[in-house]
Amino acid sequence: MAALSATQMDQNMQTFREFLMQYNNVTERTVSEKEERCSSNCLDKYLKMTQRVSMRFQEHQMISAEAQGAPMKN
């Protein structure tokens, strides 16, 4: 996975914490199995989408850096 800056990691963690708080608030109420499965599927899709976006962004940054002749960090 792409290396993230400290600010990005903090933002991601805060977003995830907020999501978990909201999820816990919702699940404290009576939630049907169908609703629980739906929210789980939605979360899975969201996490996969953000991972793909991060990967594509990293690829774009690498291509841009190569085009500008910047040395690559490993």
PDB file of N, CA and C in Angstrom:
ATOM      1  N   MET A   1       0.840  -1.174   0.000  1.00  0.00           N
ATOM      2  CA  MET A   1       0.000   0.000   0.000  1.00  0.00           C
ATOM      3  C   MET A   1       0.886   1.239   0.000  1.00  0.00           C
ATOM      4  N   ALA A   2       0.378   2.300  -0.540  1.00  0.00           N
ATOM      5  CA  ALA A   2       1.138   3.530  -0.662  1.00  0.00           C
ATOM      6  C   ALA A   2       1.457   4.104   0.718  1.00  0.00           C
ATOM      7  N   ALA A   3       2.620   4.721   0.815  1.00  0.00           N
ATOM      8  CA  ALA A   3       3.011   5.382   2.054  1.00  0.00           C
ATOM      9  C   ALA A   3       2.210   6.673   2.180  1.00  0.00           C
ATOM     10  N   LEU A   4       1.605   6.885   3.330  1.00  0.00           N
ATOM     11  CA  LEU A   4       0.792   8.068   3.549  1.00  0.00           C
ATOM     12  C   LEU A   4       1.508   9.006   4.509  1.00  0.00           C
ATOM     13  N   SER A   5       1.264  10.298   4.325  1.00  0.00           N
ATOM     14  CA  SER A   5       1.853  11.269   5.238  1.00  0.00           C
ATOM     15  C   SER A   5       1.146  11.174   6.589  1.00  0.00           C
ATOM     16  N   ALA A   6       1.756  11.749   7.598  1.00  0.00           N
ATOM     17  CA  ALA A   6       1.179  11.709   8.947  1.00  0.00           C
ATOM     18  C   ALA A   6      -0.188  12.380   8.969  1.00  0.00           C
ATOM     19  N   THR A   7      -0.336  13.474   8.241  1.00  0.00           N
ATOM     20  CA  THR A   7      -1.610  14.181   8.186  1.00  0.00           C
ATOM     21  C   THR A   7      -2.680  13.308   7.548  1.00  0.00           C
ATOM     22  N   GLN A   8      -2.331  12.638   6.459  1.00  0.00           N
ATOM     23  CA  GLN A   8      -3.290  11.762   5.792  1.00  0.00           C
ATOM     24  C   GLN A   8      -3.686  10.605   6.702  1.00  0.00           C
ATOM     25  N   MET A   9      -2.709  10.045   7.409  1.00  0.00           N
ATOM     26  CA  MET A   9      -3.006   8.946   8.331  1.00  0.00           C
ATOM     27  C   MET A   9      -3.938   9.421   9.445  1.00  0.00           C
ATOM     28  N   ASP A  10      -3.673  10.620   9.985  1.00  0.00           N
ATOM     29  CA  ASP A  10      -4.532  11.173  11.032  1.00  0.00           C
ATOM     30  C   ASP A  10      -5.950  11.376  10.515  1.00  0.00           C
ATOM     31  N   GLN A  11      -6.071  11.910   9.302  1.00  0.00           N
ATOM     32  CA  GLN A  11      -7.390  12.124   8.714  1.00  0.00           C
ATOM     33  C   GLN A  11      -8.103  10.798   8.482  1.00  0.00           C
ATOM     34  N   ASN A  12      -7.378   9.806   7.978  1.00  0.00           N
ATOM     35  CA  ASN A  12      -7.976   8.489   7.754  1.00  0.00           C
ATOM     36  C   ASN A  12      -8.440   7.868   9.067  1.00  0.00           C
ATOM     37  N   MET A  13      -7.625   7.980  10.097  1.00  0.00           N
ATOM     38  CA  MET A  13      -7.996   7.418  11.399  1.00  0.00           C
ATOM     39  C   MET A  13      -9.208   8.140  11.979  1.00  0.00           C
ATOM     40  N   GLN A  14      -9.239   9.464  11.853  1.00  0.00           N
ATOM     41  CA  GLN A  14     -10.374  10.229  12.366  1.00  0.00           C
ATOM     42  C   GLN A  14     -11.648   9.844  11.617  1.00  0.00           C
ATOM     43  N   THR A  15     -11.556   9.708  10.302  1.00  0.00           N
ATOM     44  CA  THR A  15     -12.712   9.306   9.502  1.00  0.00           C
ATOM     45  C   THR A  15     -13.192   7.924   9.923  1.00  0.00           C
ATOM     46  N   PHE A  16     -12.256   7.011  10.119  1.00  0.00           N
ATOM     47  CA  PHE A  16     -12.619   5.655  10.523  1.00  0.00           C
ATOM     48  C   PHE A  16     -13.247   5.649  11.915  1.00  0.00           C
ATOM     49  N   ARG A  17     -12.702   6.439  12.841  1.00  0.00           N
ATOM     50  CA  ARG A  17     -13.281   6.531  14.189  1.00  0.00           C
ATOM     51  C   ARG A  17     -14.715   7.049  14.127  1.00  0.00           C
ATOM     52  N   GLU A  18     -14.919   8.097  13.311  1.00  0.00           N
ATOM     53  CA  GLU A  18     -16.264   8.647  13.166  1.00  0.00           C
ATOM     54  C   GLU A  18     -17.213   7.606  12.583  1.00  0.00           C
ATOM     55  N   PHE A  19     -16.718   6.864  11.594  1.00  0.00           N
ATOM     56  CA  PHE A  19     -17.542   5.813  11.009  1.00  0.00           C
ATOM     57  C   PHE A  19     -17.921   4.781  12.069  1.00  0.00           C
ATOM     58  N   LEU A  20     -16.937   4.339  12.859  1.00  0.00           N
ATOM     59  CA  LEU A  20     -17.213   3.335  13.890  1.00  0.00           C
ATOM     60  C   LEU A  20     -18.198   3.854  14.931  1.00  0.00           C
ATOM     61  N   MET A  21     -18.069   5.111  15.321  1.00  0.00           N
ATOM     62  CA  MET A  21     -19.008   5.687  16.280  1.00  0.00           C
ATOM     63  C   MET A  21     -20.421   5.677  15.714  1.00  0.00           C
ATOM     64  N   GLN A  22     -20.559   6.101  14.458  1.00  0.00           N
ATOM     65  CA  GLN A  22     -21.877   6.094  13.829  1.00  0.00           C
ATOM     66  C   GLN A  22     -22.405   4.671  13.680  1.00  0.00           C
ATOM     67  N   TYR A  23     -21.534   3.773  13.282  1.00  0.00           N
ATOM     68  CA  TYR A  23     -21.931   2.369  13.120  1.00  0.00           C
ATOM     69  C   TYR A  23     -22.405   1.797  14.449  1.00  0.00           C
ATOM     70  N   ASN A  24     -21.670   2.079  15.523  1.00  0.00           N
ATOM     71  CA  ASN A  24     -22.073   1.594  16.848  1.00  0.00           C
ATOM     72  C   ASN A  24     -23.407   2.186  17.275  1.00  0.00           C
ATOM     73  N   ASN A  25     -23.627   3.463  16.992  1.00  0.00           N
ATOM     74  CA  ASN A  25     -24.909   4.087  17.319  1.00  0.00           C
ATOM     75  C   ASN A  25     -26.050   3.397  16.587  1.00  0.00           C
ATOM     76  N   VAL A  26     -25.822   3.066  15.343  1.00  0.00           N
ATOM     77  CA  VAL A  26     -26.858   2.408  14.547  1.00  0.00           C
ATOM     78  C   VAL A  26     -27.104   0.995  15.054  1.00  0.00           C
ATOM     79  N   THR A  27     -26.040   0.258  15.325  1.00  0.00           N
ATOM     80  CA  THR A  27     -26.198  -1.143  15.733  1.00  0.00           C
ATOM     81  C   THR A  27     -26.692  -1.301  17.162  1.00  0.00           C
ATOM     82  N   GLU A  28     -26.605  -0.254  17.965  1.00  0.00           N
ATOM     83  CA  GLU A  28     -27.162  -0.332  19.310  1.00  0.00           C
ATOM     84  C   GLU A  28     -28.668  -0.491  19.240  1.00  0.00           C
ATOM     85  N   ARG A  29     -29.256   0.071  18.229  1.00  0.00           N
ATOM     86  CA  ARG A  29     -30.676  -0.136  18.000  1.00  0.00           C
ATOM     87  C   ARG A  29     -30.833  -1.525  17.394  1.00  0.00           C
ATOM     88  N   THR A  30     -32.039  -2.006  17.351  1.00  0.00           N
ATOM     89  CA  THR A  30     -32.271  -3.319  16.758  1.00  0.00           C
ATOM     90  C   THR A  30     -32.063  -3.226  15.256  1.00  0.00           C
ATOM     91  N   VAL A  31     -31.104  -4.001  14.777  1.00  0.00           N
ATOM     92  CA  VAL A  31     -30.775  -4.001  13.356  1.00  0.00           C
ATOM     93  C   VAL A  31     -30.982  -5.419  12.840  1.00  0.00           C
ATOM     94  N   SER A  32     -31.689  -5.505  11.745  1.00  0.00           N
ATOM     95  CA  SER A  32     -31.934  -6.832  11.180  1.00  0.00           C
ATOM     96  C   SER A  32     -30.656  -7.383  10.549  1.00  0.00           C
ATOM     97  N   GLU A  33     -30.636  -8.673  10.355  1.00  0.00           N
ATOM     98  CA  GLU A  33     -29.481  -9.323   9.730  1.00  0.00           C
ATOM     99  C   GLU A  33     -29.261  -8.775   8.320  1.00  0.00           C
ATOM    100  N   LYS A  34     -30.354  -8.526   7.616  1.00  0.00           N
ATOM    101  CA  LYS A  34     -30.266  -7.987   6.255  1.00  0.00           C
ATOM    102  C   LYS A  34     -29.618  -6.598   6.270  1.00  0.00           C
ATOM    103  N   GLU A  35     -30.013  -5.755   7.211  1.00  0.00           N
ATOM    104  CA  GLU A  35     -29.427  -4.417   7.320  1.00  0.00           C
ATOM    105  C   GLU A  35     -27.949  -4.490   7.701  1.00  0.00           C
ATOM    106  N   GLU A  36     -27.616  -5.403   8.592  1.00  0.00           N
ATOM    107  CA  GLU A  36     -26.223  -5.559   9.004  1.00  0.00           C
ATOM    108  C   GLU A  36     -25.365  -6.013   7.826  1.00  0.00           C
ATOM    109  N   ARG A  37     -25.858  -6.960   7.061  1.00  0.00           N
ATOM    110  CA  ARG A  37     -25.143  -7.453   5.884  1.00  0.00           C
ATOM    111  C   ARG A  37     -24.966  -6.329   4.861  1.00  0.00           C
ATOM    112  N   CYS A  38     -25.996  -5.521   4.683  1.00  0.00           N
ATOM    113  CA  CYS A  38     -25.936  -4.399   3.737  1.00  0.00           C
ATOM    114  C   CYS A  38     -24.852  -3.401   4.147  1.00  0.00           C
ATOM    115  N   SER A  39     -24.826  -3.031   5.419  1.00  0.00           N
ATOM    116  CA  SER A  39     -23.816  -2.062   5.871  1.00  0.00           C
ATOM    117  C   SER A  39     -22.413  -2.651   5.780  1.00  0.00           C
ATOM    118  N   SER A  40     -22.276  -3.929   6.061  1.00  0.00           N
ATOM    119  CA  SER A  40     -20.974  -4.585   5.947  1.00  0.00           C
ATOM    120  C   SER A  40     -20.498  -4.598   4.497  1.00  0.00           C
ATOM    121  N   ASN A  41     -21.399  -4.913   3.584  1.00  0.00           N
ATOM    122  CA  ASN A  41     -21.051  -4.896   2.158  1.00  0.00           C
ATOM    123  C   ASN A  41     -20.661  -3.493   1.705  1.00  0.00           C
ATOM    124  N   CYS A  42     -21.387  -2.509   2.190  1.00  0.00           N
ATOM    125  CA  CYS A  42     -21.092  -1.118   1.832  1.00  0.00           C
ATOM    126  C   CYS A  42     -19.701  -0.730   2.332  1.00  0.00           C
ATOM    127  N   LEU A  43     -19.382  -1.085   3.555  1.00  0.00           N
ATOM    128  CA  LEU A  43     -18.066  -0.786   4.108  1.00  0.00           C
ATOM    129  C   LEU A  43     -16.975  -1.478   3.306  1.00  0.00           C
ATOM    130  N   ASP A  44     -17.183  -2.743   2.972  1.00  0.00           N
ATOM    131  CA  ASP A  44     -16.194  -3.472   2.169  1.00  0.00           C
ATOM    132  C   ASP A  44     -15.953  -2.773   0.837  1.00  0.00           C
ATOM    133  N   LYS A  45     -17.028  -2.367   0.190  1.00  0.00           N
ATOM    134  CA  LYS A  45     -16.897  -1.684  -1.100  1.00  0.00           C
ATOM    135  C   LYS A  45     -16.158  -0.359  -0.939  1.00  0.00           C
ATOM    136  N   TYR A  46     -16.486   0.380   0.115  1.00  0.00           N
ATOM    137  CA  TYR A  46     -15.834   1.667   0.355  1.00  0.00           C
ATOM    138  C   TYR A  46     -14.335   1.483   0.593  1.00  0.00           C
ATOM    139  N   LEU A  47     -13.975   0.514   1.419  1.00  0.00           N
ATOM    140  CA  LEU A  47     -12.558   0.284   1.711  1.00  0.00           C
ATOM    141  C   LEU A  47     -11.796  -0.149   0.464  1.00  0.00           C
ATOM    142  N   LYS A  48     -12.393  -1.012  -0.342  1.00  0.00           N
ATOM    143  CA  LYS A  48     -11.747  -1.435  -1.584  1.00  0.00           C
ATOM    144  C   LYS A  48     -11.599  -0.258  -2.544  1.00  0.00           C
ATOM    145  N   MET A  49     -12.620   0.590  -2.621  1.00  0.00           N
ATOM    146  CA  MET A  49     -12.556   1.757  -3.501  1.00  0.00           C
ATOM    147  C   MET A  49     -11.456   2.718  -3.055  1.00  0.00           C
ATOM    148  N   THR A  50     -11.369   2.993  -1.751  1.00  0.00           N
ATOM    149  CA  THR A  50     -10.333   3.923  -1.289  1.00  0.00           C
ATOM    150  C   THR A  50      -8.941   3.342  -1.503  1.00  0.00           C
ATOM    151  N   GLN A  51      -8.811   2.033  -1.372  1.00  0.00           N
ATOM    152  CA  GLN A  51      -7.519   1.399  -1.632  1.00  0.00           C
ATOM    153  C   GLN A  51      -7.148   1.544  -3.107  1.00  0.00           C
ATOM    154  N   ARG A  52      -8.110   1.321  -4.002  1.00  0.00           N
ATOM    155  CA  ARG A  52      -7.834   1.460  -5.438  1.00  0.00           C
ATOM    156  C   ARG A  52      -7.475   2.900  -5.792  1.00  0.00           C
ATOM    157  N   VAL A  53      -8.204   3.852  -5.223  1.00  0.00           N
ATOM    158  CA  VAL A  53      -7.916   5.262  -5.494  1.00  0.00           C
ATOM    159  C   VAL A  53      -6.511   5.609  -5.010  1.00  0.00           C
ATOM    160  N   SER A  54      -6.141   5.136  -3.836  1.00  0.00           N
ATOM    161  CA  SER A  54      -4.798   5.400  -3.308  1.00  0.00           C
ATOM    162  C   SER A  54      -3.720   4.808  -4.205  1.00  0.00           C
ATOM    163  N   MET A  55      -3.947   3.596  -4.682  1.00  0.00           N
ATOM    164  CA  MET A  55      -2.974   2.945  -5.565  1.00  0.00           C
ATOM    165  C   MET A  55      -2.831   3.721  -6.872  1.00  0.00           C
ATOM    166  N   ARG A  56      -3.943   4.136  -7.444  1.00  0.00           N
ATOM    167  CA  ARG A  56      -3.897   4.882  -8.710  1.00  0.00           C
ATOM    168  C   ARG A  56      -3.218   6.239  -8.513  1.00  0.00           C
ATOM    169  N   PHE A  57      -3.485   6.872  -7.375  1.00  0.00           N
ATOM    170  CA  PHE A  57      -2.846   8.152  -7.092  1.00  0.00           C
ATOM    171  C   PHE A  57      -1.340   7.971  -6.987  1.00  0.00           C
ATOM    172  N   GLN A  58      -0.916   6.926  -6.307  1.00  0.00           N
ATOM    173  CA  GLN A  58       0.518   6.650  -6.178  1.00  0.00           C
ATOM    174  C   GLN A  58       1.131   6.406  -7.558  1.00  0.00           C
ATOM    175  N   GLU A  59       0.462   5.627  -8.393  1.00  0.00           N
ATOM    176  CA  GLU A  59       0.969   5.373  -9.741  1.00  0.00           C
ATOM    177  C   GLU A  59       1.093   6.681 -10.524  1.00  0.00           C
ATOM    178  N   HIS A  60       0.082   7.529 -10.403  1.00  0.00           N
ATOM    179  CA  HIS A  60       0.108   8.821 -11.095  1.00  0.00           C
ATOM    180  C   HIS A  60       1.276   9.674 -10.606  1.00  0.00           C
ATOM    181  N   GLN A  61       1.502   9.688  -9.296  1.00  0.00           N
ATOM    182  CA  GLN A  61       2.611  10.459  -8.739  1.00  0.00           C
ATOM    183  C   GLN A  61       3.948   9.935  -9.244  1.00  0.00           C
ATOM    184  N   MET A  62       4.088   8.617  -9.334  1.00  0.00           N
ATOM    185  CA  MET A  62       5.335   8.028  -9.817  1.00  0.00           C
ATOM    186  C   MET A  62       5.573   8.387 -11.282  1.00  0.00           C
ATOM    187  N   ILE A  63       4.532   8.322 -12.084  1.00  0.00           N
ATOM    188  CA  ILE A  63       4.649   8.674 -13.503  1.00  0.00           C
ATOM    189  C   ILE A  63       5.013  10.145 -13.651  1.00  0.00           C
ATOM    190  N   SER A  64       4.369  11.008 -12.861  1.00  0.00           N
ATOM    191  CA  SER A  64       4.671  12.441 -12.913  1.00  0.00           C
ATOM    192  C   SER A  64       6.115  12.710 -12.506  1.00  0.00           C
ATOM    193  N   ALA A  65       6.577  12.024 -11.462  1.00  0.00           N
ATOM    194  CA  ALA A  65       7.949  12.213 -10.995  1.00  0.00           C
ATOM    195  C   ALA A  65       8.941  11.738 -12.050  1.00  0.00           C
ATOM    196  N   GLU A  66       8.655  10.618 -12.692  1.00  0.00           N
ATOM    197  CA  GLU A  66       9.539  10.114 -13.746  1.00  0.00           C
ATOM    198  C   GLU A  66       9.574  11.077 -14.927  1.00  0.00           C
ATOM    199  N   ALA A  67       8.427  11.644 -15.266  1.00  0.00           N
ATOM    200  CA  ALA A  67       8.357  12.575 -16.387  1.00  0.00           C
ATOM    201  C   ALA A  67       9.166  13.841 -16.108  1.00  0.00           C
ATOM    202  N   GLN A  68       9.237  14.224 -14.843  1.00  0.00           N
ATOM    203  CA  GLN A  68       9.989  15.421 -14.468  1.00  0.00           C
ATOM    204  C   GLN A  68      11.447  15.094 -14.166  1.00  0.00           C
ATOM    205  N   GLY A  69      11.802  13.832 -14.228  1.00  0.00           N
ATOM    206  CA  GLY A  69      13.182  13.432 -14.000  1.00  0.00           C
ATOM    207  C   GLY A  69      13.579  13.377 -12.546  1.00  0.00           C
ATOM    208  N   ALA A  70      12.606  13.326 -11.644  1.00  0.00           N
ATOM    209  CA  ALA A  70      12.912  13.257 -10.216  1.00  0.00           C
ATOM    210  C   ALA A  70      13.361  11.849  -9.856  1.00  0.00           C
ATOM    211  N   PRO A  71      14.332  11.736  -8.949  1.00  0.00           N
ATOM    212  CA  PRO A  71      14.767  10.392  -8.526  1.00  0.00           C
ATOM    213  C   PRO A  71      13.656   9.712  -7.728  1.00  0.00           C
ATOM    214  N   MET A  72      13.557   8.408  -7.855  1.00  0.00           N
ATOM    215  CA  MET A  72      12.531   7.627  -7.169  1.00  0.00           C
ATOM    216  C   MET A  72      13.031   7.223  -5.790  1.00  0.00           C
ATOM    217  N   LYS A  73      12.153   7.288  -4.778  1.00  0.00           N
ATOM    218  CA  LYS A  73      12.483   6.832  -3.427  1.00  0.00           C
ATOM    219  C   LYS A  73      12.029   5.393  -3.300  1.00  0.00           C
ATOM    220  N   ASN A  74      12.825   4.580  -2.657  1.00  0.00           N
ATOM    221  CA  ASN A  74      12.443   3.180  -2.392  1.00  0.00           C
ATOM    222  C   ASN A  74      12.455   2.917  -0.924  1.00  0.00           C
TER     223      ASN A  74
END
